[in-house]
Amino acid sequence: MDPRILSPRYTVSPQISVEDLSRIAEAGYQTIICNRPDEEVPPSHQAAAIQTAAEALGLTFEVLPLTHQTMTPDNVARQKAIIEAAETPVFAYCASGTRCSVVWALGQASEQSVDDILLAAAKAGYQLDGLRPTLEALAHNQTAG
């Protein structure tokens, strides 16, 4: 487990295991989002296995598998809604944390400056500069709409 804080409400990580859940709970997280499709991992690391163990610890577990093809506006909005509804910071994971960072960044385009989004990602170890045109377009659409 390698947690990386993107905002006070959102932390991302590469793939976690059942063994990581107690440390996640002890750190104060109550909501976990799995952004990794089951097809990428063995059964021991699939969402159902981690969800069962997380819920046994009293954690909320959401499954929103993301790929390049499923990084849609609806899924960005769903991830944002989960984060906003959580009472404590959210812990999201995928293979490396990049997808979790990208979906967060897209959801933040109307909330904060593109520079601030990219800086937060970079401080967490994710270089999302290639998203700049998309983030700028999303921010512009929000202010124009």
N, C-alpha and C. Protein backbone atom coordinates (compact mmCIF):
# COMPACT_ATOMS: atom_id res chain seq x y z
N MET A 1 0.84 -1.17 0.00
CA MET A 1 0.00 0.00 0.00
C MET A 1 0.89 1.24 0.00
N ASP A 2 0.52 2.18 -0.86
CA ASP A 2 1.30 3.41 -1.01
C ASP A 2 0.34 4.59 -1.13
N PRO A 3 -0.29 5.01 -0.02
CA PRO A 3 -1.28 6.08 -0.10
C PRO A 3 -0.67 7.42 -0.48
N ARG A 4 -1.38 8.14 -1.35
CA ARG A 4 -0.92 9.45 -1.81
C ARG A 4 -2.10 10.42 -1.74
N ILE A 5 -1.95 11.47 -0.99
CA ILE A 5 -3.03 12.42 -0.75
C ILE A 5 -3.10 13.43 -1.89
N LEU A 6 -4.27 13.49 -2.54
CA LEU A 6 -4.51 14.50 -3.58
C LEU A 6 -5.23 15.72 -3.04
N SER A 7 -6.06 15.51 -2.03
CA SER A 7 -6.78 16.61 -1.41
C SER A 7 -7.14 16.19 0.02
N PRO A 8 -7.62 17.10 0.83
CA PRO A 8 -8.01 16.71 2.18
C PRO A 8 -9.11 15.64 2.20
N ARG A 9 -9.85 15.51 1.11
CA ARG A 9 -10.96 14.55 1.05
C ARG A 9 -10.65 13.31 0.22
N TYR A 10 -9.45 13.23 -0.37
CA TYR A 10 -9.23 12.17 -1.36
C TYR A 10 -7.79 11.70 -1.38
N THR A 11 -7.61 10.41 -1.15
CA THR A 11 -6.31 9.76 -1.21
C THR A 11 -6.38 8.63 -2.22
N VAL A 12 -5.31 8.45 -2.97
CA VAL A 12 -5.26 7.36 -3.95
C VAL A 12 -4.10 6.43 -3.63
N SER A 13 -4.15 5.24 -4.21
CA SER A 13 -3.12 4.25 -3.95
C SER A 13 -3.07 3.24 -5.09
N PRO A 14 -1.89 2.66 -5.30
CA PRO A 14 -1.85 1.47 -6.13
C PRO A 14 -2.64 0.34 -5.46
N GLN A 15 -2.78 -0.75 -6.14
CA GLN A 15 -3.56 -1.91 -5.67
C GLN A 15 -3.33 -2.19 -4.19
N ILE A 16 -4.42 -2.43 -3.49
CA ILE A 16 -4.34 -2.82 -2.08
C ILE A 16 -4.73 -4.29 -1.96
N SER A 17 -4.49 -4.85 -0.79
CA SER A 17 -4.88 -6.22 -0.49
C SER A 17 -5.74 -6.22 0.76
N VAL A 18 -6.33 -7.35 1.06
CA VAL A 18 -7.15 -7.50 2.26
C VAL A 18 -6.33 -7.12 3.50
N GLU A 19 -5.07 -7.46 3.50
CA GLU A 19 -4.20 -7.18 4.64
C GLU A 19 -4.00 -5.68 4.90
N ASP A 20 -4.24 -4.85 3.90
CA ASP A 20 -4.06 -3.40 4.05
C ASP A 20 -5.26 -2.73 4.72
N LEU A 21 -6.38 -3.40 4.76
CA LEU A 21 -7.62 -2.75 5.19
C LEU A 21 -7.60 -2.25 6.63
N SER A 22 -7.00 -2.98 7.53
CA SER A 22 -6.99 -2.51 8.93
C SER A 22 -6.20 -1.22 9.04
N ARG A 23 -5.10 -1.09 8.31
CA ARG A 23 -4.32 0.16 8.34
C ARG A 23 -5.10 1.31 7.71
N ILE A 24 -5.86 1.02 6.66
CA ILE A 24 -6.69 2.05 6.03
C ILE A 24 -7.73 2.54 7.04
N ALA A 25 -8.38 1.61 7.72
CA ALA A 25 -9.38 1.97 8.73
C ALA A 25 -8.74 2.75 9.88
N GLU A 26 -7.58 2.29 10.34
CA GLU A 26 -6.89 2.96 11.44
C GLU A 26 -6.47 4.38 11.07
N ALA A 27 -6.25 4.62 9.78
CA ALA A 27 -5.87 5.95 9.31
C ALA A 27 -7.07 6.90 9.23
N GLY A 28 -8.27 6.37 9.48
CA GLY A 28 -9.45 7.21 9.52
C GLY A 28 -10.33 7.19 8.29
N TYR A 29 -9.98 6.37 7.33
CA TYR A 29 -10.81 6.27 6.13
C TYR A 29 -12.01 5.37 6.44
N GLN A 30 -13.16 5.76 5.93
CA GLN A 30 -14.36 4.94 6.09
C GLN A 30 -14.94 4.50 4.76
N THR A 31 -14.50 5.15 3.68
CA THR A 31 -14.99 4.81 2.34
C THR A 31 -13.81 4.47 1.45
N ILE A 32 -13.93 3.35 0.75
CA ILE A 32 -12.92 2.90 -0.20
C ILE A 32 -13.61 2.78 -1.56
N ILE A 33 -12.92 3.26 -2.60
CA ILE A 33 -13.41 3.09 -3.97
C ILE A 33 -12.42 2.22 -4.72
N CYS A 34 -12.92 1.15 -5.31
CA CYS A 34 -12.11 0.30 -6.19
C CYS A 34 -12.33 0.77 -7.62
N ASN A 35 -11.30 1.33 -8.24
CA ASN A 35 -11.37 1.75 -9.63
C ASN A 35 -10.69 0.75 -10.57
N ARG A 36 -10.34 -0.40 -10.06
CA ARG A 36 -9.61 -1.39 -10.87
C ARG A 36 -10.55 -2.50 -11.33
N PRO A 37 -10.62 -2.74 -12.63
CA PRO A 37 -11.44 -3.85 -13.12
C PRO A 37 -10.91 -5.20 -12.63
N ASP A 38 -11.84 -6.09 -12.30
CA ASP A 38 -11.45 -7.42 -11.81
C ASP A 38 -10.60 -8.20 -12.80
N GLU A 39 -10.78 -7.93 -14.08
CA GLU A 39 -10.04 -8.68 -15.11
C GLU A 39 -8.53 -8.47 -15.00
N GLU A 40 -8.10 -7.45 -14.28
CA GLU A 40 -6.68 -7.13 -14.18
C GLU A 40 -5.97 -7.83 -13.02
N VAL A 41 -6.73 -8.46 -12.14
CA VAL A 41 -6.13 -8.98 -10.91
C VAL A 41 -6.57 -10.42 -10.63
N PRO A 42 -5.80 -11.15 -9.81
CA PRO A 42 -6.22 -12.50 -9.42
C PRO A 42 -7.42 -12.43 -8.47
N PRO A 43 -8.11 -13.53 -8.27
CA PRO A 43 -9.29 -13.53 -7.39
C PRO A 43 -9.04 -12.94 -6.01
N SER A 44 -7.86 -13.14 -5.44
CA SER A 44 -7.57 -12.62 -4.10
C SER A 44 -7.59 -11.09 -4.03
N HIS A 45 -7.45 -10.44 -5.17
CA HIS A 45 -7.41 -8.98 -5.22
C HIS A 45 -8.61 -8.37 -5.95
N GLN A 46 -9.56 -9.20 -6.31
CA GLN A 46 -10.74 -8.68 -6.99
C GLN A 46 -11.64 -7.94 -5.99
N ALA A 47 -12.50 -7.10 -6.53
CA ALA A 47 -13.32 -6.22 -5.70
C ALA A 47 -14.13 -6.98 -4.66
N ALA A 48 -14.74 -8.09 -5.02
CA ALA A 48 -15.60 -8.82 -4.06
C ALA A 48 -14.82 -9.29 -2.84
N ALA A 49 -13.61 -9.77 -3.05
CA ALA A 49 -12.79 -10.25 -1.92
C ALA A 49 -12.43 -9.10 -0.99
N ILE A 50 -12.04 -7.98 -1.57
CA ILE A 50 -11.66 -6.84 -0.74
C ILE A 50 -12.90 -6.21 -0.12
N GLN A 51 -13.99 -6.17 -0.85
CA GLN A 51 -15.23 -5.61 -0.32
C GLN A 51 -15.72 -6.39 0.90
N THR A 52 -15.70 -7.70 0.83
CA THR A 52 -16.14 -8.52 1.96
C THR A 52 -15.33 -8.21 3.21
N ALA A 53 -14.02 -8.15 3.05
CA ALA A 53 -13.15 -7.86 4.19
C ALA A 53 -13.32 -6.42 4.68
N ALA A 54 -13.51 -5.48 3.76
CA ALA A 54 -13.69 -4.08 4.14
C ALA A 54 -14.99 -3.90 4.92
N GLU A 55 -16.06 -4.50 4.44
CA GLU A 55 -17.35 -4.36 5.12
C GLU A 55 -17.34 -5.05 6.48
N ALA A 56 -16.55 -6.11 6.62
CA ALA A 56 -16.42 -6.76 7.92
C ALA A 56 -15.77 -5.83 8.95
N LEU A 57 -15.00 -4.86 8.47
CA LEU A 57 -14.37 -3.86 9.34
C LEU A 57 -15.24 -2.61 9.49
N GLY A 58 -16.42 -2.63 8.88
CA GLY A 58 -17.33 -1.49 8.98
C GLY A 58 -17.07 -0.40 7.96
N LEU A 59 -16.27 -0.70 6.95
CA LEU A 59 -15.95 0.28 5.92
C LEU A 59 -16.98 0.23 4.79
N THR A 60 -17.24 1.37 4.18
CA THR A 60 -18.07 1.44 2.99
C THR A 60 -17.17 1.15 1.79
N PHE A 61 -17.65 0.32 0.88
CA PHE A 61 -16.84 -0.07 -0.27
C PHE A 61 -17.64 0.16 -1.54
N GLU A 62 -17.11 0.97 -2.42
CA GLU A 62 -17.74 1.27 -3.70
C GLU A 62 -16.90 0.68 -4.82
N VAL A 63 -17.55 0.17 -5.85
CA VAL A 63 -16.85 -0.40 -7.00
C VAL A 63 -17.21 0.43 -8.23
N LEU A 64 -16.20 1.04 -8.83
CA LEU A 64 -16.36 1.80 -10.06
C LEU A 64 -15.14 1.52 -10.94
N PRO A 65 -15.16 0.35 -11.62
CA PRO A 65 -14.00 0.00 -12.44
C PRO A 65 -13.83 0.97 -13.60
N LEU A 66 -12.62 1.44 -13.78
CA LEU A 66 -12.35 2.41 -14.83
C LEU A 66 -11.27 1.92 -15.78
N THR A 67 -11.52 2.18 -17.04
CA THR A 67 -10.53 1.98 -18.11
C THR A 67 -10.57 3.25 -18.95
N HIS A 68 -9.74 3.30 -19.95
CA HIS A 68 -9.77 4.46 -20.84
C HIS A 68 -11.18 4.61 -21.44
N GLN A 69 -11.79 3.50 -21.80
CA GLN A 69 -13.11 3.53 -22.44
C GLN A 69 -14.23 3.90 -21.46
N THR A 70 -14.06 3.61 -20.17
CA THR A 70 -15.13 3.89 -19.22
C THR A 70 -14.90 5.16 -18.40
N MET A 71 -13.91 5.95 -18.78
CA MET A 71 -13.66 7.22 -18.12
C MET A 71 -14.62 8.26 -18.72
N THR A 72 -15.90 8.04 -18.49
CA THR A 72 -16.97 8.84 -19.09
C THR A 72 -17.41 9.96 -18.14
N PRO A 73 -18.09 10.96 -18.65
CA PRO A 73 -18.62 12.00 -17.77
C PRO A 73 -19.51 11.43 -16.66
N ASP A 74 -20.30 10.41 -16.96
CA ASP A 74 -21.15 9.80 -15.92
C ASP A 74 -20.31 9.17 -14.81
N ASN A 75 -19.25 8.47 -15.18
CA ASN A 75 -18.40 7.85 -14.16
C ASN A 75 -17.59 8.88 -13.38
N VAL A 76 -17.18 9.95 -14.05
CA VAL A 76 -16.50 11.04 -13.34
C VAL A 76 -17.47 11.64 -12.32
N ALA A 77 -18.71 11.86 -12.73
CA ALA A 77 -19.71 12.42 -11.81
C ALA A 77 -20.01 11.46 -10.68
N ARG A 78 -20.05 10.17 -10.96
CA ARG A 78 -20.31 9.18 -9.91
C ARG A 78 -19.18 9.17 -8.87
N GLN A 79 -17.94 9.19 -9.33
CA GLN A 79 -16.80 9.21 -8.41
C GLN A 79 -16.85 10.47 -7.56
N LYS A 80 -17.11 11.61 -8.19
CA LYS A 80 -17.19 12.87 -7.46
C LYS A 80 -18.30 12.83 -6.41
N ALA A 81 -19.43 12.25 -6.76
CA ALA A 81 -20.55 12.15 -5.82
C ALA A 81 -20.20 11.28 -4.62
N ILE A 82 -19.49 10.19 -4.85
CA ILE A 82 -19.07 9.32 -3.75
C ILE A 82 -18.15 10.09 -2.81
N ILE A 83 -17.21 10.83 -3.37
CA ILE A 83 -16.27 11.61 -2.56
C ILE A 83 -17.02 12.66 -1.74
N GLU A 84 -17.93 13.36 -2.39
CA GLU A 84 -18.66 14.44 -1.71
C GLU A 84 -19.59 13.90 -0.62
N ALA A 85 -20.14 12.70 -0.81
CA ALA A 85 -21.08 12.13 0.16
C ALA A 85 -20.38 11.52 1.37
N ALA A 86 -19.11 11.22 1.23
CA ALA A 86 -18.38 10.57 2.32
C ALA A 86 -18.18 11.52 3.49
N GLU A 87 -18.30 10.98 4.69
CA GLU A 87 -18.10 11.80 5.89
C GLU A 87 -16.63 12.04 6.19
N THR A 88 -15.78 11.17 5.74
CA THR A 88 -14.35 11.29 5.97
C THR A 88 -13.64 11.22 4.62
N PRO A 89 -12.35 11.45 4.59
CA PRO A 89 -11.65 11.31 3.31
C PRO A 89 -11.86 9.92 2.70
N VAL A 90 -11.83 9.89 1.40
CA VAL A 90 -12.04 8.67 0.63
C VAL A 90 -10.68 8.11 0.22
N PHE A 91 -10.58 6.79 0.24
CA PHE A 91 -9.38 6.08 -0.18
C PHE A 91 -9.73 5.33 -1.47
N ALA A 92 -9.13 5.72 -2.59
CA ALA A 92 -9.42 5.06 -3.88
C ALA A 92 -8.16 4.35 -4.37
N TYR A 93 -8.37 3.23 -5.04
CA TYR A 93 -7.21 2.50 -5.56
C TYR A 93 -7.49 1.93 -6.95
N CYS A 94 -6.40 1.71 -7.68
CA CYS A 94 -6.42 1.03 -8.98
C CYS A 94 -5.06 0.35 -9.11
N ALA A 95 -4.57 0.15 -10.30
CA ALA A 95 -3.28 -0.53 -10.47
C ALA A 95 -2.12 0.30 -9.90
N SER A 96 -2.08 1.58 -10.28
CA SER A 96 -0.98 2.45 -9.84
C SER A 96 -1.45 3.69 -9.10
N GLY A 97 -2.74 3.96 -9.14
CA GLY A 97 -3.30 5.18 -8.59
C GLY A 97 -3.57 6.22 -9.67
N THR A 98 -3.08 5.97 -10.88
CA THR A 98 -3.24 6.96 -11.95
C THR A 98 -4.70 7.14 -12.35
N ARG A 99 -5.43 6.05 -12.56
CA ARG A 99 -6.84 6.18 -12.94
C ARG A 99 -7.63 6.92 -11.86
N CYS A 100 -7.34 6.61 -10.61
CA CYS A 100 -8.01 7.30 -9.49
C CYS A 100 -7.68 8.79 -9.52
N SER A 101 -6.46 9.13 -9.91
CA SER A 101 -6.05 10.53 -9.99
C SER A 101 -6.71 11.23 -11.18
N VAL A 102 -6.78 10.54 -12.30
CA VAL A 102 -7.39 11.12 -13.50
C VAL A 102 -8.87 11.39 -13.27
N VAL A 103 -9.60 10.43 -12.71
CA VAL A 103 -11.04 10.63 -12.50
C VAL A 103 -11.28 11.76 -11.50
N TRP A 104 -10.42 11.88 -10.49
CA TRP A 104 -10.52 12.99 -9.54
C TRP A 104 -10.26 14.31 -10.25
N ALA A 105 -9.19 14.37 -11.04
CA ALA A 105 -8.83 15.60 -11.75
C ALA A 105 -9.96 16.07 -12.66
N LEU A 106 -10.54 15.14 -13.40
CA LEU A 106 -11.65 15.50 -14.28
C LEU A 106 -12.84 16.04 -13.49
N GLY A 107 -13.07 15.48 -12.34
CA GLY A 107 -14.18 15.93 -11.49
C GLY A 107 -13.91 17.26 -10.82
N GLN A 108 -12.65 17.66 -10.75
CA GLN A 108 -12.29 18.91 -10.10
C GLN A 108 -12.20 20.09 -11.06
N ALA A 109 -12.34 19.85 -12.35
CA ALA A 109 -12.13 20.90 -13.35
C ALA A 109 -13.03 22.11 -13.14
N SER A 110 -14.20 21.90 -12.57
CA SER A 110 -15.10 23.02 -12.32
C SER A 110 -14.94 23.58 -10.90
N GLU A 111 -14.09 22.95 -10.11
CA GLU A 111 -13.94 23.33 -8.69
C GLU A 111 -12.67 24.13 -8.40
N GLN A 112 -11.60 23.84 -9.13
CA GLN A 112 -10.34 24.53 -8.86
C GLN A 112 -9.58 24.72 -10.16
N SER A 113 -8.53 25.53 -10.10
CA SER A 113 -7.79 25.84 -11.33
C SER A 113 -7.07 24.59 -11.85
N VAL A 114 -6.86 24.60 -13.15
CA VAL A 114 -6.14 23.49 -13.78
C VAL A 114 -4.75 23.38 -13.19
N ASP A 115 -4.09 24.50 -12.97
CA ASP A 115 -2.74 24.47 -12.39
C ASP A 115 -2.76 23.82 -11.01
N ASP A 116 -3.76 24.15 -10.18
CA ASP A 116 -3.85 23.55 -8.85
C ASP A 116 -4.10 22.05 -8.92
N ILE A 117 -4.93 21.62 -9.84
CA ILE A 117 -5.22 20.19 -10.01
C ILE A 117 -3.94 19.45 -10.40
N LEU A 118 -3.26 19.98 -11.40
CA LEU A 118 -2.04 19.31 -11.88
C LEU A 118 -0.93 19.34 -10.83
N LEU A 119 -0.86 20.41 -10.04
CA LEU A 119 0.14 20.49 -8.98
C LEU A 119 -0.14 19.47 -7.88
N ALA A 120 -1.41 19.34 -7.50
CA ALA A 120 -1.76 18.34 -6.47
C ALA A 120 -1.41 16.93 -6.95
N ALA A 121 -1.71 16.65 -8.21
CA ALA A 121 -1.37 15.33 -8.76
C ALA A 121 0.14 15.12 -8.79
N ALA A 122 0.87 16.13 -9.22
CA ALA A 122 2.33 16.01 -9.30
C ALA A 122 2.95 15.80 -7.92
N LYS A 123 2.44 16.52 -6.92
CA LYS A 123 2.95 16.35 -5.55
C LYS A 123 2.71 14.93 -5.06
N ALA A 124 1.66 14.30 -5.56
CA ALA A 124 1.36 12.92 -5.16
C ALA A 124 2.11 11.91 -6.04
N GLY A 125 2.84 12.39 -7.03
CA GLY A 125 3.63 11.50 -7.88
C GLY A 125 2.97 11.13 -9.20
N TYR A 126 1.93 11.86 -9.59
CA TYR A 126 1.22 11.56 -10.83
C TYR A 126 1.35 12.74 -11.79
N GLN A 127 1.99 12.50 -12.90
CA GLN A 127 2.18 13.54 -13.92
C GLN A 127 1.00 13.48 -14.89
N LEU A 128 0.06 14.40 -14.70
CA LEU A 128 -1.16 14.42 -15.51
C LEU A 128 -1.17 15.58 -16.50
N ASP A 129 0.01 16.11 -16.84
CA ASP A 129 0.08 17.27 -17.72
C ASP A 129 -0.63 17.05 -19.06
N GLY A 130 -0.66 15.82 -19.53
CA GLY A 130 -1.35 15.52 -20.78
C GLY A 130 -2.85 15.77 -20.70
N LEU A 131 -3.39 15.88 -19.49
CA LEU A 131 -4.82 16.18 -19.31
C LEU A 131 -5.13 17.67 -19.39
N ARG A 132 -4.11 18.50 -19.43
CA ARG A 132 -4.34 19.95 -19.38
C ARG A 132 -5.38 20.41 -20.40
N PRO A 133 -5.29 20.05 -21.68
CA PRO A 133 -6.30 20.53 -22.64
C PRO A 133 -7.73 20.09 -22.27
N THR A 134 -7.86 18.87 -21.81
CA THR A 134 -9.19 18.37 -21.42
C THR A 134 -9.70 19.11 -20.19
N LEU A 135 -8.84 19.30 -19.20
CA LEU A 135 -9.23 20.02 -17.99
C LEU A 135 -9.61 21.47 -18.31
N GLU A 136 -8.83 22.09 -19.18
CA GLU A 136 -9.15 23.47 -19.56
C GLU A 136 -10.48 23.55 -20.30
N ALA A 137 -10.74 22.58 -21.18
CA ALA A 137 -12.02 22.55 -21.90
C ALA A 137 -13.18 22.33 -20.94
N LEU A 138 -13.00 21.44 -19.99
CA LEU A 138 -14.06 21.19 -19.00
C LEU A 138 -14.32 22.44 -18.14
N ALA A 139 -13.26 23.10 -17.73
CA ALA A 139 -13.40 24.32 -16.93
C ALA A 139 -14.10 25.40 -17.74
N HIS A 140 -13.73 25.52 -19.00
CA HIS A 140 -14.35 26.53 -19.87
C HIS A 140 -15.84 26.22 -20.08
N ASN A 141 -16.17 24.96 -20.30
CA ASN A 141 -17.57 24.57 -20.50
C ASN A 141 -18.39 24.86 -19.27
N GLN A 142 -17.82 24.70 -18.08
CA GLN A 142 -18.54 24.97 -16.84
C GLN A 142 -18.82 26.46 -16.69
N THR A 143 -17.86 27.29 -17.06
CA THR A 143 -18.06 28.73 -16.91
C THR A 143 -18.93 29.29 -18.04
N ALA A 144 -18.90 28.63 -19.20
CA ALA A 144 -19.71 29.11 -20.34
C ALA A 144 -21.16 28.60 -20.23
N GLY A 145 -21.35 27.49 -19.52
CA GLY A 145 -22.66 26.86 -19.49
C GLY A 145 -23.47 27.35 -18.37
